[in-house]
Amino acid sequence: MSTPALSELLKLPSETRAELAMALWESLSTTERDAALSLSPAQAAELDRRWTEHLNNPASAIAWEDVLRQLRA
């Protein structure tokens, strides 16, 4: 059985692509999932820095709706 090329899979309807993505994710073991989501020390440090910054100044946060609006502009 041949595997469809990514370009062919991307032509599938969005609902089918989402179902396929979920099926692929769910096919991974816990160890594989953890490895896929692991952060480098630099990434973890950056998240810690940003979280500390937010705790020190929560008013600096931007609402998700505003972020989306800016991205779509």
N, C-alpha and C. Protein backbone atom coordinates (compact mmCIF):
# COMPACT_ATOMS: atom_id res chain seq x y z
N MET A 1 0.86 -1.18 0.00
CA MET A 1 0.00 0.00 0.00
C MET A 1 0.90 1.23 0.00
N SER A 2 0.62 2.18 -0.88
CA SER A 2 1.44 3.39 -0.94
C SER A 2 0.81 4.47 -0.06
N THR A 3 1.66 5.33 0.48
CA THR A 3 1.22 6.43 1.32
C THR A 3 1.02 7.67 0.46
N PRO A 4 -0.11 8.35 0.60
CA PRO A 4 -0.33 9.56 -0.20
C PRO A 4 0.72 10.62 0.15
N ALA A 5 1.08 11.39 -0.84
CA ALA A 5 2.03 12.49 -0.63
C ALA A 5 1.35 13.58 0.19
N LEU A 6 2.16 14.33 0.92
CA LEU A 6 1.62 15.40 1.74
C LEU A 6 0.77 16.35 0.90
N SER A 7 1.21 16.66 -0.30
CA SER A 7 0.45 17.58 -1.15
C SER A 7 -0.96 17.05 -1.42
N GLU A 8 -1.10 15.73 -1.54
CA GLU A 8 -2.41 15.13 -1.76
C GLU A 8 -3.25 15.18 -0.49
N LEU A 9 -2.61 14.91 0.66
CA LEU A 9 -3.33 14.96 1.93
C LEU A 9 -3.85 16.36 2.21
N LEU A 10 -3.09 17.37 1.85
CA LEU A 10 -3.50 18.75 2.09
C LEU A 10 -4.69 19.17 1.23
N LYS A 11 -5.02 18.39 0.23
CA LYS A 11 -6.19 18.67 -0.60
C LYS A 11 -7.49 18.12 0.00
N LEU A 12 -7.36 17.30 1.04
CA LEU A 12 -8.54 16.73 1.69
C LEU A 12 -9.33 17.83 2.39
N PRO A 13 -10.63 17.63 2.59
CA PRO A 13 -11.43 18.62 3.32
C PRO A 13 -10.87 18.82 4.73
N SER A 14 -11.08 20.00 5.28
CA SER A 14 -10.51 20.34 6.59
C SER A 14 -10.93 19.36 7.68
N GLU A 15 -12.17 18.93 7.67
CA GLU A 15 -12.64 17.99 8.70
C GLU A 15 -11.86 16.67 8.61
N THR A 16 -11.63 16.20 7.41
CA THR A 16 -10.89 14.96 7.21
C THR A 16 -9.44 15.13 7.64
N ARG A 17 -8.83 16.27 7.31
CA ARG A 17 -7.45 16.53 7.73
C ARG A 17 -7.34 16.58 9.25
N ALA A 18 -8.33 17.20 9.92
CA ALA A 18 -8.31 17.27 11.38
C ALA A 18 -8.45 15.87 11.98
N GLU A 19 -9.33 15.05 11.43
CA GLU A 19 -9.49 13.68 11.92
C GLU A 19 -8.21 12.88 11.72
N LEU A 20 -7.57 13.06 10.59
CA LEU A 20 -6.31 12.37 10.31
C LEU A 20 -5.22 12.82 11.29
N ALA A 21 -5.15 14.11 11.54
CA ALA A 21 -4.16 14.63 12.48
C ALA A 21 -4.37 14.04 13.87
N MET A 22 -5.62 14.00 14.32
CA MET A 22 -5.92 13.44 15.64
C MET A 22 -5.58 11.95 15.68
N ALA A 23 -5.89 11.23 14.62
CA ALA A 23 -5.60 9.80 14.59
C ALA A 23 -4.09 9.56 14.65
N LEU A 24 -3.34 10.37 13.93
CA LEU A 24 -1.88 10.24 13.97
C LEU A 24 -1.34 10.55 15.36
N TRP A 25 -1.83 11.64 15.98
CA TRP A 25 -1.38 12.01 17.32
C TRP A 25 -1.70 10.90 18.32
N GLU A 26 -2.92 10.38 18.24
CA GLU A 26 -3.35 9.34 19.17
C GLU A 26 -2.61 8.03 18.95
N SER A 27 -2.00 7.85 17.78
CA SER A 27 -1.25 6.63 17.51
C SER A 27 0.12 6.63 18.19
N LEU A 28 0.55 7.79 18.70
CA LEU A 28 1.84 7.88 19.37
C LEU A 28 1.74 7.35 20.79
N SER A 29 2.81 6.76 21.25
CA SER A 29 2.87 6.34 22.65
C SER A 29 3.07 7.57 23.53
N THR A 30 2.87 7.41 24.83
CA THR A 30 3.09 8.50 25.76
C THR A 30 4.53 9.00 25.66
N THR A 31 5.47 8.10 25.54
CA THR A 31 6.88 8.46 25.42
C THR A 31 7.12 9.28 24.15
N GLU A 32 6.52 8.87 23.04
CA GLU A 32 6.67 9.60 21.79
C GLU A 32 6.04 10.99 21.88
N ARG A 33 4.88 11.08 22.51
CA ARG A 33 4.23 12.37 22.68
C ARG A 33 5.08 13.30 23.55
N ASP A 34 5.59 12.76 24.66
CA ASP A 34 6.43 13.57 25.54
C ASP A 34 7.67 14.08 24.80
N ALA A 35 8.26 13.21 24.00
CA ALA A 35 9.45 13.62 23.24
C ALA A 35 9.11 14.70 22.22
N ALA A 36 7.95 14.58 21.60
CA ALA A 36 7.55 15.58 20.59
C ALA A 36 7.28 16.93 21.22
N LEU A 37 6.88 16.93 22.49
CA LEU A 37 6.52 18.18 23.17
C LEU A 37 7.60 18.70 24.10
N SER A 38 8.74 18.04 24.13
CA SER A 38 9.79 18.47 25.05
C SER A 38 10.37 19.80 24.61
N LEU A 39 10.74 20.59 25.60
CA LEU A 39 11.33 21.91 25.35
C LEU A 39 12.83 21.85 25.56
N SER A 40 13.53 22.65 24.80
CA SER A 40 14.96 22.79 25.05
C SER A 40 15.14 23.62 26.31
N PRO A 41 16.30 23.57 26.94
CA PRO A 41 16.53 24.42 28.11
C PRO A 41 16.30 25.91 27.80
N ALA A 42 16.68 26.33 26.62
CA ALA A 42 16.50 27.74 26.24
C ALA A 42 15.01 28.07 26.12
N GLN A 43 14.22 27.17 25.54
CA GLN A 43 12.79 27.40 25.43
C GLN A 43 12.12 27.45 26.81
N ALA A 44 12.51 26.52 27.68
CA ALA A 44 11.94 26.50 29.03
C ALA A 44 12.30 27.78 29.77
N ALA A 45 13.53 28.25 29.63
CA ALA A 45 13.96 29.48 30.29
C ALA A 45 13.17 30.67 29.77
N GLU A 46 12.92 30.70 28.46
CA GLU A 46 12.16 31.81 27.87
C GLU A 46 10.72 31.81 28.38
N LEU A 47 10.11 30.65 28.46
CA LEU A 47 8.75 30.56 29.00
C LEU A 47 8.72 31.01 30.46
N ASP A 48 9.70 30.59 31.23
CA ASP A 48 9.78 31.03 32.63
C ASP A 48 9.94 32.54 32.72
N ARG A 49 10.78 33.11 31.85
CA ARG A 49 10.99 34.56 31.84
C ARG A 49 9.70 35.30 31.52
N ARG A 50 8.99 34.81 30.51
CA ARG A 50 7.74 35.46 30.10
C ARG A 50 6.68 35.33 31.19
N TRP A 51 6.61 34.17 31.84
CA TRP A 51 5.62 33.98 32.90
C TRP A 51 5.92 34.92 34.07
N THR A 52 7.18 35.05 34.44
CA THR A 52 7.57 35.96 35.52
C THR A 52 7.23 37.39 35.14
N GLU A 53 7.51 37.76 33.90
CA GLU A 53 7.18 39.11 33.42
C GLU A 53 5.69 39.35 33.52
N HIS A 54 4.89 38.38 33.13
CA HIS A 54 3.44 38.52 33.20
C HIS A 54 2.97 38.67 34.66
N LEU A 55 3.51 37.85 35.55
CA LEU A 55 3.12 37.94 36.95
C LEU A 55 3.47 39.30 37.55
N ASN A 56 4.58 39.87 37.09
CA ASN A 56 5.00 41.18 37.58
C ASN A 56 4.19 42.32 36.96
N ASN A 57 3.62 42.09 35.79
CA ASN A 57 2.88 43.14 35.10
C ASN A 57 1.73 42.53 34.29
N PRO A 58 0.69 42.01 34.95
CA PRO A 58 -0.39 41.35 34.22
C PRO A 58 -1.14 42.27 33.26
N ALA A 59 -1.09 43.57 33.48
CA ALA A 59 -1.78 44.51 32.60
C ALA A 59 -1.14 44.58 31.21
N SER A 60 0.07 44.04 31.08
CA SER A 60 0.75 44.08 29.78
C SER A 60 0.23 43.02 28.82
N ALA A 61 -0.62 42.11 29.31
CA ALA A 61 -1.14 41.03 28.46
C ALA A 61 -2.04 41.60 27.37
N ILE A 62 -2.06 40.90 26.25
CA ILE A 62 -2.90 41.27 25.11
C ILE A 62 -3.97 40.19 24.96
N ALA A 63 -5.22 40.60 24.85
CA ALA A 63 -6.32 39.66 24.69
C ALA A 63 -6.15 38.86 23.39
N TRP A 64 -6.52 37.58 23.43
CA TRP A 64 -6.38 36.71 22.27
C TRP A 64 -7.11 37.28 21.05
N GLU A 65 -8.27 37.85 21.27
CA GLU A 65 -9.03 38.44 20.16
C GLU A 65 -8.23 39.56 19.50
N ASP A 66 -7.52 40.35 20.30
CA ASP A 66 -6.69 41.43 19.74
C ASP A 66 -5.51 40.87 18.96
N VAL A 67 -4.92 39.80 19.46
CA VAL A 67 -3.81 39.16 18.74
C VAL A 67 -4.29 38.68 17.38
N LEU A 68 -5.43 37.98 17.36
CA LEU A 68 -5.98 37.50 16.09
C LEU A 68 -6.29 38.65 15.14
N ARG A 69 -6.86 39.72 15.67
CA ARG A 69 -7.18 40.87 14.83
C ARG A 69 -5.91 41.45 14.21
N GLN A 70 -4.85 41.55 14.99
CA GLN A 70 -3.59 42.08 14.49
C GLN A 70 -2.98 41.15 13.43
N LEU A 71 -3.08 39.85 13.64
CA LEU A 71 -2.54 38.90 12.69
C LEU A 71 -3.29 38.92 11.36
N ARG A 72 -4.57 39.19 11.44
CA ARG A 72 -5.41 39.17 10.23
C ARG A 72 -5.39 40.50 9.49
N ALA A 73 -4.84 41.51 10.10
CA ALA A 73 -4.83 42.85 9.48
C ALA A 73 -3.81 42.94 8.38
